[in-house]
Amino acid sequence: MIVSVGIDIIEVYRIEEAIKRTPRFVERVFTEQEKKYCQEKGKGIFQSYAARFAAKEAFLKALKTGWRGQIKWQEIEVCRKDDGMPYLKVSGNAEAALKEIGANSIHLSISHTSEHAVATVILEKV
């Protein structure tokens, strides 16, 4: 049963500007694995960061909480399966909030162009 859905879209230039203006942004928002993945993307680095940011925002929207400081950005991590399919790994307060709304499965879809990144999260109780 679907518990909730969240979606987010962001302009890539906004993430690029945030990273260039505030280098600590990357340290605060992204996990080591996410940073490693994005750094390997060469010209696509900012699209990759933007897609991961959109995924985190979409997850928070699906929780119906938004980001209010209780959940740390790094408690929501975008990972990849061997076949390249993205998935979310949550911990800490993010995991507790997921359990609180009765969801036990997370579905993630992300995509980006040179200008926009979008993510959709579906929370489900299976």
PDB file of N, CA and C in Angstrom:
ATOM      1  N   MET A   1       0.839  -1.168   0.000  1.00  0.00           N
ATOM      2  CA  MET A   1       0.000   0.000   0.000  1.00  0.00           C
ATOM      3  C   MET A   1       0.894   1.244   0.000  1.00  0.00           C
ATOM      4  N   ILE A   2       0.597   2.182  -0.887  1.00  0.00           N
ATOM      5  CA  ILE A   2       1.345   3.430  -0.938  1.00  0.00           C
ATOM      6  C   ILE A   2       0.949   4.295   0.252  1.00  0.00           C
ATOM      7  N   VAL A   3       1.944   4.752   0.979  1.00  0.00           N
ATOM      8  CA  VAL A   3       1.729   5.605   2.144  1.00  0.00           C
ATOM      9  C   VAL A   3       1.813   7.076   1.751  1.00  0.00           C
ATOM     10  N   SER A   4       2.784   7.404   0.879  1.00  0.00           N
ATOM     11  CA  SER A   4       2.988   8.804   0.516  1.00  0.00           C
ATOM     12  C   SER A   4       3.890   8.906  -0.706  1.00  0.00           C
ATOM     13  N   VAL A   5       3.813  10.062  -1.365  1.00  0.00           N
ATOM     14  CA  VAL A   5       4.638  10.350  -2.539  1.00  0.00           C
ATOM     15  C   VAL A   5       5.242  11.739  -2.379  1.00  0.00           C
ATOM     16  N   GLY A   6       6.493  11.884  -2.796  1.00  0.00           N
ATOM     17  CA  GLY A   6       7.146  13.192  -2.803  1.00  0.00           C
ATOM     18  C   GLY A   6       7.875  13.397  -4.112  1.00  0.00           C
ATOM     19  N   ILE A   7       7.915  14.623  -4.579  1.00  0.00           N
ATOM     20  CA  ILE A   7       8.620  14.944  -5.823  1.00  0.00           C
ATOM     21  C   ILE A   7       9.347  16.264  -5.637  1.00  0.00           C
ATOM     22  N   ASP A   8      10.494  16.408  -6.298  1.00  0.00           N
ATOM     23  CA  ASP A   8      11.227  17.664  -6.246  1.00  0.00           C
ATOM     24  C   ASP A   8      11.934  17.874  -7.574  1.00  0.00           C
ATOM     25  N   ILE A   9      11.999  19.131  -7.971  1.00  0.00           N
ATOM     26  CA  ILE A   9      12.760  19.532  -9.150  1.00  0.00           C
ATOM     27  C   ILE A   9      13.585  20.739  -8.766  1.00  0.00           C
ATOM     28  N   ILE A  10      14.813  20.794  -9.248  1.00  0.00           N
ATOM     29  CA  ILE A  10      15.692  21.903  -8.926  1.00  0.00           C
ATOM     30  C   ILE A  10      16.523  22.263 -10.153  1.00  0.00           C
ATOM     31  N   GLU A  11      16.818  23.549 -10.264  1.00  0.00           N
ATOM     32  CA  GLU A  11      17.716  23.992 -11.328  1.00  0.00           C
ATOM     33  C   GLU A  11      19.144  23.646 -10.920  1.00  0.00           C
ATOM     34  N   VAL A  12      19.888  23.041 -11.830  1.00  0.00           N
ATOM     35  CA  VAL A  12      21.260  22.624 -11.550  1.00  0.00           C
ATOM     36  C   VAL A  12      22.123  23.823 -11.159  1.00  0.00           C
ATOM     37  N   TYR A  13      21.901  24.980 -11.778  1.00  0.00           N
ATOM     38  CA  TYR A  13      22.737  26.138 -11.487  1.00  0.00           C
ATOM     39  C   TYR A  13      22.642  26.557 -10.020  1.00  0.00           C
ATOM     40  N   ARG A  14      21.493  26.315  -9.378  1.00  0.00           N
ATOM     41  CA  ARG A  14      21.348  26.681  -7.970  1.00  0.00           C
ATOM     42  C   ARG A  14      22.276  25.854  -7.084  1.00  0.00           C
ATOM     43  N   ILE A  15      22.403  24.573  -7.381  1.00  0.00           N
ATOM     44  CA  ILE A  15      23.311  23.718  -6.617  1.00  0.00           C
ATOM     45  C   ILE A  15      24.755  24.087  -6.942  1.00  0.00           C
ATOM     46  N   GLU A  16      25.048  24.349  -8.207  1.00  0.00           N
ATOM     47  CA  GLU A  16      26.399  24.757  -8.585  1.00  0.00           C
ATOM     48  C   GLU A  16      26.797  26.036  -7.841  1.00  0.00           C
ATOM     49  N   GLU A  17      25.906  27.011  -7.797  1.00  0.00           N
ATOM     50  CA  GLU A  17      26.193  28.262  -7.092  1.00  0.00           C
ATOM     51  C   GLU A  17      26.378  28.024  -5.600  1.00  0.00           C
ATOM     52  N   ALA A  18      25.554  27.188  -5.013  1.00  0.00           N
ATOM     53  CA  ALA A  18      25.673  26.897  -3.578  1.00  0.00           C
ATOM     54  C   ALA A  18      27.022  26.252  -3.267  1.00  0.00           C
ATOM     55  N   ILE A  19      27.453  25.345  -4.119  1.00  0.00           N
ATOM     56  CA  ILE A  19      28.734  24.656  -3.907  1.00  0.00           C
ATOM     57  C   ILE A  19      29.895  25.635  -4.064  1.00  0.00           C
ATOM     58  N   LYS A  20      29.836  26.477  -5.077  1.00  0.00           N
ATOM     59  CA  LYS A  20      30.927  27.433  -5.314  1.00  0.00           C
ATOM     60  C   LYS A  20      30.956  28.535  -4.257  1.00  0.00           C
ATOM     61  N   ARG A  21      29.797  28.963  -3.807  1.00  0.00           N
ATOM     62  CA  ARG A  21      29.704  30.044  -2.823  1.00  0.00           C
ATOM     63  C   ARG A  21      30.045  29.557  -1.417  1.00  0.00           C
ATOM     64  N   THR A  22      29.588  28.339  -1.098  1.00  0.00           N
ATOM     65  CA  THR A  22      29.739  27.798   0.255  1.00  0.00           C
ATOM     66  C   THR A  22      30.275  26.370   0.158  1.00  0.00           C
ATOM     67  N   PRO A  23      31.578  26.199   0.087  1.00  0.00           N
ATOM     68  CA  PRO A  23      32.141  24.843  -0.048  1.00  0.00           C
ATOM     69  C   PRO A  23      31.679  23.885   1.057  1.00  0.00           C
ATOM     70  N   ARG A  24      31.357  24.400   2.215  1.00  0.00           N
ATOM     71  CA  ARG A  24      30.880  23.564   3.314  1.00  0.00           C
ATOM     72  C   ARG A  24      29.508  22.937   3.008  1.00  0.00           C
ATOM     73  N   PHE A  25      28.800  23.478   2.041  1.00  0.00           N
ATOM     74  CA  PHE A  25      27.502  22.937   1.619  1.00  0.00           C
ATOM     75  C   PHE A  25      27.619  21.449   1.299  1.00  0.00           C
ATOM     76  N   VAL A  26      28.639  21.079   0.535  1.00  0.00           N
ATOM     77  CA  VAL A  26      28.834  19.681   0.145  1.00  0.00           C
ATOM     78  C   VAL A  26      29.077  18.823   1.383  1.00  0.00           C
ATOM     79  N   GLU A  27      29.884  19.314   2.308  1.00  0.00           N
ATOM     80  CA  GLU A  27      30.194  18.560   3.524  1.00  0.00           C
ATOM     81  C   GLU A  27      28.963  18.371   4.401  1.00  0.00           C
ATOM     82  N   ARG A  28      28.095  19.367   4.432  1.00  0.00           N
ATOM     83  CA  ARG A  28      26.909  19.324   5.290  1.00  0.00           C
ATOM     84  C   ARG A  28      25.800  18.444   4.707  1.00  0.00           C
ATOM     85  N   VAL A  29      25.658  18.439   3.386  1.00  0.00           N
ATOM     86  CA  VAL A  29      24.502  17.806   2.744  1.00  0.00           C
ATOM     87  C   VAL A  29      24.763  16.376   2.269  1.00  0.00           C
ATOM     88  N   PHE A  30      25.953  16.103   1.782  1.00  0.00           N
ATOM     89  CA  PHE A  30      26.200  14.833   1.101  1.00  0.00           C
ATOM     90  C   PHE A  30      27.128  13.902   1.891  1.00  0.00           C
ATOM     91  N   THR A  31      26.867  12.599   1.782  1.00  0.00           N
ATOM     92  CA  THR A  31      27.702  11.589   2.435  1.00  0.00           C
ATOM     93  C   THR A  31      28.990  11.398   1.639  1.00  0.00           C
ATOM     94  N   GLU A  32      29.925  10.688   2.237  1.00  0.00           N
ATOM     95  CA  GLU A  32      31.201  10.409   1.559  1.00  0.00           C
ATOM     96  C   GLU A  32      30.971   9.660   0.250  1.00  0.00           C
ATOM     97  N   GLN A  33      30.081   8.673   0.262  1.00  0.00           N
ATOM     98  CA  GLN A  33      29.811   7.900  -0.955  1.00  0.00           C
ATOM     99  C   GLN A  33      29.173   8.771  -2.045  1.00  0.00           C
ATOM    100  N   GLU A  34      28.261   9.647  -1.648  1.00  0.00           N
ATOM    101  CA  GLU A  34      27.631  10.548  -2.624  1.00  0.00           C
ATOM    102  C   GLU A  34      28.669  11.488  -3.224  1.00  0.00           C
ATOM    103  N   LYS A  35      29.537  12.030  -2.385  1.00  0.00           N
ATOM    104  CA  LYS A  35      30.586  12.938  -2.881  1.00  0.00           C
ATOM    105  C   LYS A  35      31.508  12.206  -3.840  1.00  0.00           C
ATOM    106  N   LYS A  36      31.897  10.993  -3.496  1.00  0.00           N
ATOM    107  CA  LYS A  36      32.782  10.201  -4.360  1.00  0.00           C
ATOM    108  C   LYS A  36      32.129   9.981  -5.722  1.00  0.00           C
ATOM    109  N   TYR A  37      30.858   9.583  -5.713  1.00  0.00           N
ATOM    110  CA  TYR A  37      30.137   9.346  -6.964  1.00  0.00           C
ATOM    111  C   TYR A  37      30.104  10.620  -7.818  1.00  0.00           C
ATOM    112  N   CYS A  38      29.718  11.733  -7.215  1.00  0.00           N
ATOM    113  CA  CYS A  38      29.579  12.987  -7.961  1.00  0.00           C
ATOM    114  C   CYS A  38      30.922  13.488  -8.481  1.00  0.00           C
ATOM    115  N   GLN A  39      31.975  13.364  -7.674  1.00  0.00           N
ATOM    116  CA  GLN A  39      33.299  13.842  -8.075  1.00  0.00           C
ATOM    117  C   GLN A  39      33.826  13.087  -9.297  1.00  0.00           C
ATOM    118  N   GLU A  40      33.366  11.864  -9.489  1.00  0.00           N
ATOM    119  CA  GLU A  40      33.808  11.052 -10.627  1.00  0.00           C
ATOM    120  C   GLU A  40      33.072  11.399 -11.914  1.00  0.00           C
ATOM    121  N   LYS A  41      32.111  12.312 -11.862  1.00  0.00           N
ATOM    122  CA  LYS A  41      31.263  12.604 -13.015  1.00  0.00           C
ATOM    123  C   LYS A  41      31.827  13.661 -13.954  1.00  0.00           C
ATOM    124  N   GLY A  42      32.973  14.238 -13.657  1.00  0.00           N
ATOM    125  CA  GLY A  42      33.568  15.214 -14.558  1.00  0.00           C
ATOM    126  C   GLY A  42      32.648  16.389 -14.820  1.00  0.00           C
ATOM    127  N   LYS A  43      32.289  16.598 -16.089  1.00  0.00           N
ATOM    128  CA  LYS A  43      31.411  17.718 -16.449  1.00  0.00           C
ATOM    129  C   LYS A  43      30.019  17.596 -15.845  1.00  0.00           C
ATOM    130  N   GLY A  44      29.608  16.398 -15.488  1.00  0.00           N
ATOM    131  CA  GLY A  44      28.276  16.185 -14.939  1.00  0.00           C
ATOM    132  C   GLY A  44      28.203  16.283 -13.422  1.00  0.00           C
ATOM    133  N   ILE A  45      29.247  16.803 -12.812  1.00  0.00           N
ATOM    134  CA  ILE A  45      29.314  16.843 -11.347  1.00  0.00           C
ATOM    135  C   ILE A  45      28.122  17.568 -10.732  1.00  0.00           C
ATOM    136  N   PHE A  46      27.768  18.732 -11.253  1.00  0.00           N
ATOM    137  CA  PHE A  46      26.699  19.522 -10.634  1.00  0.00           C
ATOM    138  C   PHE A  46      25.321  18.916 -10.888  1.00  0.00           C
ATOM    139  N   GLN A  47      25.144  18.272 -12.044  1.00  0.00           N
ATOM    140  CA  GLN A  47      23.887  17.560 -12.289  1.00  0.00           C
ATOM    141  C   GLN A  47      23.729  16.410 -11.290  1.00  0.00           C
ATOM    142  N   SER A  48      24.811  15.711 -11.011  1.00  0.00           N
ATOM    143  CA  SER A  48      24.755  14.585 -10.071  1.00  0.00           C
ATOM    144  C   SER A  48      24.458  15.059  -8.655  1.00  0.00           C
ATOM    145  N   TYR A  49      25.108  16.141  -8.244  1.00  0.00           N
ATOM    146  CA  TYR A  49      24.804  16.700  -6.921  1.00  0.00           C
ATOM    147  C   TYR A  49      23.346  17.176  -6.862  1.00  0.00           C
ATOM    148  N   ALA A  50      22.893  17.840  -7.917  1.00  0.00           N
ATOM    149  CA  ALA A  50      21.517  18.353  -7.935  1.00  0.00           C
ATOM    150  C   ALA A  50      20.504  17.210  -7.866  1.00  0.00           C
ATOM    151  N   ALA A  51      20.763  16.118  -8.566  1.00  0.00           N
ATOM    152  CA  ALA A  51      19.850  14.971  -8.552  1.00  0.00           C
ATOM    153  C   ALA A  51      19.764  14.371  -7.146  1.00  0.00           C
ATOM    154  N   ARG A  52      20.890  14.296  -6.469  1.00  0.00           N
ATOM    155  CA  ARG A  52      20.888  13.755  -5.109  1.00  0.00           C
ATOM    156  C   ARG A  52      20.194  14.703  -4.133  1.00  0.00           C
ATOM    157  N   PHE A  53      20.381  15.996  -4.334  1.00  0.00           N
ATOM    158  CA  PHE A  53      19.690  16.970  -3.497  1.00  0.00           C
ATOM    159  C   PHE A  53      18.180  16.856  -3.708  1.00  0.00           C
ATOM    160  N   ALA A  54      17.759  16.738  -4.966  1.00  0.00           N
ATOM    161  CA  ALA A  54      16.327  16.593  -5.273  1.00  0.00           C
ATOM    162  C   ALA A  54      15.764  15.325  -4.634  1.00  0.00           C
ATOM    163  N   ALA A  55      16.532  14.249  -4.625  1.00  0.00           N
ATOM    164  CA  ALA A  55      16.071  12.993  -4.015  1.00  0.00           C
ATOM    165  C   ALA A  55      15.853  13.168  -2.511  1.00  0.00           C
ATOM    166  N   LYS A  56      16.761  13.868  -1.861  1.00  0.00           N
ATOM    167  CA  LYS A  56      16.624  14.111  -0.422  1.00  0.00           C
ATOM    168  C   LYS A  56      15.391  14.970  -0.146  1.00  0.00           C
ATOM    169  N   GLU A  57      15.193  16.008  -0.956  1.00  0.00           N
ATOM    170  CA  GLU A  57      14.015  16.874  -0.810  1.00  0.00           C
ATOM    171  C   GLU A  57      12.725  16.093  -1.066  1.00  0.00           C
ATOM    172  N   ALA A  58      12.725  15.256  -2.088  1.00  0.00           N
ATOM    173  CA  ALA A  58      11.532  14.458  -2.396  1.00  0.00           C
ATOM    174  C   ALA A  58      11.203  13.511  -1.242  1.00  0.00           C
ATOM    175  N   PHE A  59      12.232  12.931  -0.630  1.00  0.00           N
ATOM    176  CA  PHE A  59      12.003  12.060   0.519  1.00  0.00           C
ATOM    177  C   PHE A  59      11.370  12.839   1.670  1.00  0.00           C
ATOM    178  N   LEU A  60      11.898  14.022   1.954  1.00  0.00           N
ATOM    179  CA  LEU A  60      11.345  14.845   3.034  1.00  0.00           C
ATOM    180  C   LEU A  60       9.902  15.247   2.741  1.00  0.00           C
ATOM    181  N   LYS A  61       9.594  15.520   1.482  1.00  0.00           N
ATOM    182  CA  LYS A  61       8.213  15.851   1.115  1.00  0.00           C
ATOM    183  C   LYS A  61       7.304  14.635   1.286  1.00  0.00           C
ATOM    184  N   ALA A  62       7.816  13.455   0.950  1.00  0.00           N
ATOM    185  CA  ALA A  62       7.020  12.245   1.132  1.00  0.00           C
ATOM    186  C   ALA A  62       6.758  11.980   2.614  1.00  0.00           C
ATOM    187  N   LEU A  63       7.691  12.355   3.463  1.00  0.00           N
ATOM    188  CA  LEU A  63       7.477  12.216   4.911  1.00  0.00           C
ATOM    189  C   LEU A  63       6.452  13.216   5.430  1.00  0.00           C
ATOM    190  N   LYS A  64       6.194  14.231   4.612  1.00  0.00           N
ATOM    191  CA  LYS A  64       5.262  15.312   4.965  1.00  0.00           C
ATOM    192  C   LYS A  64       5.780  16.169   6.116  1.00  0.00           C
ATOM    193  N   THR A  65       7.098  16.210   6.236  1.00  0.00           N
ATOM    194  CA  THR A  65       7.709  17.032   7.277  1.00  0.00           C
ATOM    195  C   THR A  65       8.466  18.211   6.692  1.00  0.00           C
ATOM    196  N   GLY A  66       9.006  18.029   5.483  1.00  0.00           N
ATOM    197  CA  GLY A  66       9.931  19.013   4.959  1.00  0.00           C
ATOM    198  C   GLY A  66      11.189  18.978   5.802  1.00  0.00           C
ATOM    199  N   TRP A  67      12.125  19.856   5.485  1.00  0.00           N
ATOM    200  CA  TRP A  67      13.356  19.887   6.270  1.00  0.00           C
ATOM    201  C   TRP A  67      13.190  20.909   7.376  1.00  0.00           C
ATOM    202  N   ARG A  68      13.145  20.438   8.578  1.00  0.00           N
ATOM    203  CA  ARG A  68      12.955  21.317   9.724  1.00  0.00           C
ATOM    204  C   ARG A  68      14.095  21.170  10.716  1.00  0.00           C
ATOM    205  N   GLY A  69      15.205  20.616  10.294  1.00  0.00           N
ATOM    206  CA  GLY A  69      16.362  20.523  11.152  1.00  0.00           C
ATOM    207  C   GLY A  69      16.438  19.268  12.003  1.00  0.00           C
ATOM    208  N   GLN A  70      15.342  18.519  12.129  1.00  0.00           N
ATOM    209  CA  GLN A  70      15.371  17.307  12.942  1.00  0.00           C
ATOM    210  C   GLN A  70      16.064  16.158  12.214  1.00  0.00           C
ATOM    211  N   ILE A  71      15.925  16.147  10.925  1.00  0.00           N
ATOM    212  CA  ILE A  71      16.577  15.130  10.099  1.00  0.00           C
ATOM    213  C   ILE A  71      17.811  15.773   9.474  1.00  0.00           C
ATOM    214  N   LYS A  72      18.938  15.105   9.628  1.00  0.00           N
ATOM    215  CA  LYS A  72      20.180  15.604   9.032  1.00  0.00           C
ATOM    216  C   LYS A  72      20.229  15.150   7.576  1.00  0.00           C
ATOM    217  N   TRP A  73      20.759  16.028   6.733  1.00  0.00           N
ATOM    218  CA  TRP A  73      20.851  15.714   5.303  1.00  0.00           C
ATOM    219  C   TRP A  73      21.549  14.374   5.069  1.00  0.00           C
ATOM    220  N   GLN A  74      22.599  14.101   5.832  1.00  0.00           N
ATOM    221  CA  GLN A  74      23.367  12.882   5.602  1.00  0.00           C
ATOM    222  C   GLN A  74      22.677  11.624   6.118  1.00  0.00           C
ATOM    223  N   GLU A  75      21.527  11.777   6.775  1.00  0.00           N
ATOM    224  CA  GLU A  75      20.737  10.613   7.180  1.00  0.00           C
ATOM    225  C   GLU A  75      19.916  10.072   6.006  1.00  0.00           C
ATOM    226  N   ILE A  76      19.958  10.793   4.898  1.00  0.00           N
ATOM    227  CA  ILE A  76      19.279  10.373   3.663  1.00  0.00           C
ATOM    228  C   ILE A  76      20.380  10.242   2.608  1.00  0.00           C
ATOM    229  N   GLU A  77      20.655   9.025   2.185  1.00  0.00           N
ATOM    230  CA  GLU A  77      21.760   8.799   1.254  1.00  0.00           C
ATOM    231  C   GLU A  77      21.265   8.139  -0.029  1.00  0.00           C
ATOM    232  N   VAL A  78      21.656   8.711  -1.160  1.00  0.00           N
ATOM    233  CA  VAL A  78      21.350   8.112  -2.456  1.00  0.00           C
ATOM    234  C   VAL A  78      22.464   7.120  -2.779  1.00  0.00           C
ATOM    235  N   CYS A  79      22.090   5.871  -2.941  1.00  0.00           N
ATOM    236  CA  CYS A  79      23.031   4.796  -3.269  1.00  0.00           C
ATOM    237  C   CYS A  79      22.649   4.220  -4.630  1.00  0.00           C
ATOM    238  N   ARG A  80      23.489   3.320  -5.123  1.00  0.00           N
ATOM    239  CA  ARG A  80      23.215   2.673  -6.409  1.00  0.00           C
ATOM    240  C   ARG A  80      23.430   1.175  -6.282  1.00  0.00           C
ATOM    241  N   LYS A  81      22.487   0.433  -6.867  1.00  0.00           N
ATOM    242  CA  LYS A  81      22.639  -1.017  -6.935  1.00  0.00           C
ATOM    243  C   LYS A  81      23.662  -1.339  -8.023  1.00  0.00           C
ATOM    244  N   ASP A  82      24.063  -2.596  -8.113  1.00  0.00           N
ATOM    245  CA  ASP A  82      25.052  -3.013  -9.107  1.00  0.00           C
ATOM    246  C   ASP A  82      24.609  -2.694 -10.526  1.00  0.00           C
ATOM    247  N   ASP A  83      23.282  -2.725 -10.764  1.00  0.00           N
ATOM    248  CA  ASP A  83      22.773  -2.445 -12.108  1.00  0.00           C
ATOM    249  C   ASP A  83      22.597  -0.941 -12.361  1.00  0.00           C
ATOM    250  N   GLY A  84      22.980  -0.105 -11.387  1.00  0.00           N
ATOM    251  CA  GLY A  84      22.885   1.345 -11.550  1.00  0.00           C
ATOM    252  C   GLY A  84      21.614   1.964 -11.003  1.00  0.00           C
ATOM    253  N   MET A  85      20.651   1.128 -10.621  1.00  0.00           N
ATOM    254  CA  MET A  85      19.389   1.648 -10.114  1.00  0.00           C
ATOM    255  C   MET A  85      19.599   2.373  -8.776  1.00  0.00           C
ATOM    256  N   PRO A  86      19.089   3.612  -8.659  1.00  0.00           N
ATOM    257  CA  PRO A  86      19.288   4.342  -7.409  1.00  0.00           C
ATOM    258  C   PRO A  86      18.301   3.882  -6.339  1.00  0.00           C
ATOM    259  N   TYR A  87      18.734   4.012  -5.104  1.00  0.00           N
ATOM    260  CA  TYR A  87      17.851   3.746  -3.974  1.00  0.00           C
ATOM    261  C   TYR A  87      18.271   4.635  -2.813  1.00  0.00           C
ATOM    262  N   LEU A  88      17.376   4.808  -1.861  1.00  0.00           N
ATOM    263  CA  LEU A  88      17.676   5.611  -0.683  1.00  0.00           C
ATOM    264  C   LEU A  88      17.977   4.713   0.498  1.00  0.00           C
ATOM    265  N   LYS A  89      19.003   5.077   1.224  1.00  0.00           N
ATOM    266  CA  LYS A  89      19.329   4.439   2.498  1.00  0.00           C
ATOM    267  C   LYS A  89      19.137   5.515   3.559  1.00  0.00           C
ATOM    268  N   VAL A  90      18.283   5.237   4.542  1.00  0.00           N
ATOM    269  CA  VAL A  90      18.009   6.228   5.586  1.00  0.00           C
ATOM    270  C   VAL A  90      18.458   5.697   6.941  1.00  0.00           C
ATOM    271  N   SER A  91      18.811   6.635   7.820  1.00  0.00           N
ATOM    272  CA  SER A  91      19.267   6.279   9.158  1.00  0.00           C
ATOM    273  C   SER A  91      18.826   7.364  10.134  1.00  0.00           C
ATOM    274  N   GLY A  92      19.079   7.131  11.409  1.00  0.00           N
ATOM    275  CA  GLY A  92      18.812   8.143  12.430  1.00  0.00           C
ATOM    276  C   GLY A  92      17.373   8.626  12.439  1.00  0.00           C
ATOM    277  N   ASN A  93      17.215   9.947  12.535  1.00  0.00           N
ATOM    278  CA  ASN A  93      15.885  10.545  12.589  1.00  0.00           C
ATOM    279  C   ASN A  93      15.084  10.310  11.307  1.00  0.00           C
ATOM    280  N   ALA A  94      15.762  10.196  10.179  1.00  0.00           N
ATOM    281  CA  ALA A  94      15.066   9.920   8.917  1.00  0.00           C
ATOM    282  C   ALA A  94      14.422   8.539   8.956  1.00  0.00           C
ATOM    283  N   GLU A  95      15.149   7.569   9.481  1.00  0.00           N
ATOM    284  CA  GLU A  95      14.604   6.213   9.601  1.00  0.00           C
ATOM    285  C   GLU A  95      13.449   6.179  10.608  1.00  0.00           C
ATOM    286  N   ALA A  96      13.601   6.901  11.711  1.00  0.00           N
ATOM    287  CA  ALA A  96      12.537   6.955  12.718  1.00  0.00           C
ATOM    288  C   ALA A  96      11.274   7.585  12.143  1.00  0.00           C
ATOM    289  N   ALA A  97      11.422   8.649  11.360  1.00  0.00           N
ATOM    290  CA  ALA A  97      10.264   9.314  10.748  1.00  0.00           C
ATOM    291  C   ALA A  97       9.580   8.399   9.747  1.00  0.00           C
ATOM    292  N   LEU A  98      10.356   7.621   9.016  1.00  0.00           N
ATOM    293  CA  LEU A  98       9.797   6.662   8.060  1.00  0.00           C
ATOM    294  C   LEU A  98       8.930   5.632   8.789  1.00  0.00           C
ATOM    295  N   LYS A  99       9.449   5.105   9.870  1.00  0.00           N
ATOM    296  CA  LYS A  99       8.696   4.125  10.662  1.00  0.00           C
ATOM    297  C   LYS A  99       7.453   4.760  11.274  1.00  0.00           C
ATOM    298  N   GLU A 100       7.571   6.012  11.691  1.00  0.00           N
ATOM    299  CA  GLU A 100       6.455   6.698  12.340  1.00  0.00           C
ATOM    300  C   GLU A 100       5.237   6.824  11.431  1.00  0.00           C
ATOM    301  N   ILE A 101       5.482   6.992  10.119  1.00  0.00           N
ATOM    302  CA  ILE A 101       4.334   7.102   9.214  1.00  0.00           C
ATOM    303  C   ILE A 101       3.885   5.739   8.684  1.00  0.00           C
ATOM    304  N   GLY A 102       4.546   4.682   9.130  1.00  0.00           N
ATOM    305  CA  GLY A 102       4.110   3.339   8.779  1.00  0.00           C
ATOM    306  C   GLY A 102       4.655   2.798   7.472  1.00  0.00           C
ATOM    307  N   ALA A 103       5.682   3.424   6.924  1.00  0.00           N
ATOM    308  CA  ALA A 103       6.270   2.946   5.668  1.00  0.00           C
ATOM    309  C   ALA A 103       7.480   2.070   5.971  1.00  0.00           C
ATOM    310  N   ASN A 104       7.694   1.067   5.133  1.00  0.00           N
ATOM    311  CA  ASN A 104       8.867   0.212   5.303  1.00  0.00           C
ATOM    312  C   ASN A 104       9.582  -0.075   3.979  1.00  0.00           C
ATOM    313  N   SER A 105       9.195   0.632   2.933  1.00  0.00           N
ATOM    314  CA  SER A 105       9.823   0.476   1.629  1.00  0.00           C
ATOM    315  C   SER A 105       9.874   1.845   0.943  1.00  0.00           C
ATOM    316  N   ILE A 106      11.015   2.113   0.311  1.00  0.00           N
ATOM    317  CA  ILE A 106      11.212   3.393  -0.373  1.00  0.00           C
ATOM    318  C   ILE A 106      11.536   3.115  -1.838  1.00  0.00           C
ATOM    319  N   HIS A 107      10.813   3.771  -2.723  1.00  0.00           N
ATOM    320  CA  HIS A 107      11.090   3.684  -4.158  1.00  0.00           C
ATOM    321  C   HIS A 107      11.593   5.059  -4.608  1.00  0.00           C
ATOM    322  N   LEU A 108      12.661   5.077  -5.407  1.00  0.00           N
ATOM    323  CA  LEU A 108      13.275   6.324  -5.850  1.00  0.00           C
ATOM    324  C   LEU A 108      13.495   6.305  -7.356  1.00  0.00           C
ATOM    325  N   SER A 109      13.151   7.421  -7.980  1.00  0.00           N
ATOM    326  CA  SER A 109      13.492   7.632  -9.383  1.00  0.00           C
ATOM    327  C   SER A 109      14.112   9.021  -9.489  1.00  0.00           C
ATOM    328  N   ILE A 110      15.275   9.103 -10.135  1.00  0.00           N
ATOM    329  CA  ILE A 110      15.933  10.395 -10.332  1.00  0.00           C
ATOM    330  C   ILE A 110      16.327  10.549 -11.792  1.00  0.00           C
ATOM    331  N   SER A 111      16.372  11.800 -12.230  1.00  0.00           N
ATOM    332  CA  SER A 111      16.799  12.096 -13.589  1.00  0.00           C
ATOM    333  C   SER A 111      17.315  13.528 -13.634  1.00  0.00           C
ATOM    334  N   HIS A 112      18.112  13.823 -14.642  1.00  0.00           N
ATOM    335  CA  HIS A 112      18.581  15.198 -14.795  1.00  0.00           C
ATOM    336  C   HIS A 112      18.935  15.494 -16.240  1.00  0.00           C
ATOM    337  N   THR A 113      18.891  16.774 -16.549  1.00  0.00           N
ATOM    338  CA  THR A 113      19.408  17.307 -17.803  1.00  0.00           C
ATOM    339  C   THR A 113      20.537  18.253 -17.404  1.00  0.00           C
ATOM    340  N   SER A 114      21.056  18.986 -18.334  1.00  0.00           N
ATOM    341  CA  SER A 114      22.093  19.956 -17.983  1.00  0.00           C
ATOM    342  C   SER A 114      21.515  21.114 -17.170  1.00  0.00           C
ATOM    343  N   GLU A 115      20.196  21.307 -17.217  1.00  0.00           N
ATOM    344  CA  GLU A 115      19.575  22.444 -16.538  1.00  0.00           C
ATOM    345  C   GLU A 115      18.760  22.085 -15.304  1.00  0.00           C
ATOM    346  N   HIS A 116      18.166  20.891 -15.261  1.00  0.00           N
ATOM    347  CA  HIS A 116      17.265  20.527 -14.164  1.00  0.00           C
ATOM    348  C   HIS A 116      17.564  19.122 -13.647  1.00  0.00           C
ATOM    349  N   ALA A 117      17.260  18.921 -12.371  1.00  0.00           N
ATOM    350  CA  ALA A 117      17.294  17.584 -11.774  1.00  0.00           C
ATOM    351  C   ALA A 117      15.944  17.363 -11.110  1.00  0.00           C
ATOM    352  N   VAL A 118      15.453  16.135 -11.207  1.00  0.00           N
ATOM    353  CA  VAL A 118      14.138  15.804 -10.647  1.00  0.00           C
ATOM    354  C   VAL A 118      14.230  14.453  -9.935  1.00  0.00           C
ATOM    355  N   ALA A 119      13.453  14.322  -8.883  1.00  0.00           N
ATOM    356  CA  ALA A 119      13.391  13.056  -8.168  1.00  0.00           C
ATOM    357  C   ALA A 119      11.978  12.812  -7.667  1.00  0.00           C
ATOM    358  N   THR A 120      11.583  11.559  -7.664  1.00  0.00           N
ATOM    359  CA  THR A 120      10.306  11.133  -7.113  1.00  0.00           C
ATOM    360  C   THR A 120      10.568  10.024  -6.100  1.00  0.00           C
ATOM    361  N   VAL A 121       9.905  10.137  -4.948  1.00  0.00           N
ATOM    362  CA  VAL A 121      10.016   9.121  -3.904  1.00  0.00           C
ATOM    363  C   VAL A 121       8.604   8.617  -3.587  1.00  0.00           C
ATOM    364  N   ILE A 122       8.460   7.312  -3.551  1.00  0.00           N
ATOM    365  CA  ILE A 122       7.219   6.681  -3.137  1.00  0.00           C
ATOM    366  C   ILE A 122       7.512   5.875  -1.880  1.00  0.00           C
ATOM    367  N   LEU A 123       6.775   6.174  -0.820  1.00  0.00           N
ATOM    368  CA  LEU A 123       6.895   5.425   0.424  1.00  0.00           C
ATOM    369  C   LEU A 123       5.761   4.421   0.472  1.00  0.00           C
ATOM    370  N   GLU A 124       6.092   3.199   0.821  1.00  0.00           N
ATOM    371  CA  GLU A 124       5.122   2.117   0.763  1.00  0.00           C
ATOM    372  C   GLU A 124       5.190   1.260   2.025  1.00  0.00           C
ATOM    373  N   LYS A 125       4.072   0.677   2.358  1.00  0.00           N
ATOM    374  CA  LYS A 125       4.026  -0.326   3.409  1.00  0.00           C
ATOM    375  C   LYS A 125       3.759  -1.649   2.720  1.00  0.00           C
ATOM    376  N   VAL A 126       4.742  -2.549   2.793  1.00  0.00           N
ATOM    377  CA  VAL A 126       4.595  -3.854   2.133  1.00  0.00           C
ATOM    378  C   VAL A 126       4.420  -4.958   3.153  1.00  0.00           C
TER     379      VAL A 126
END
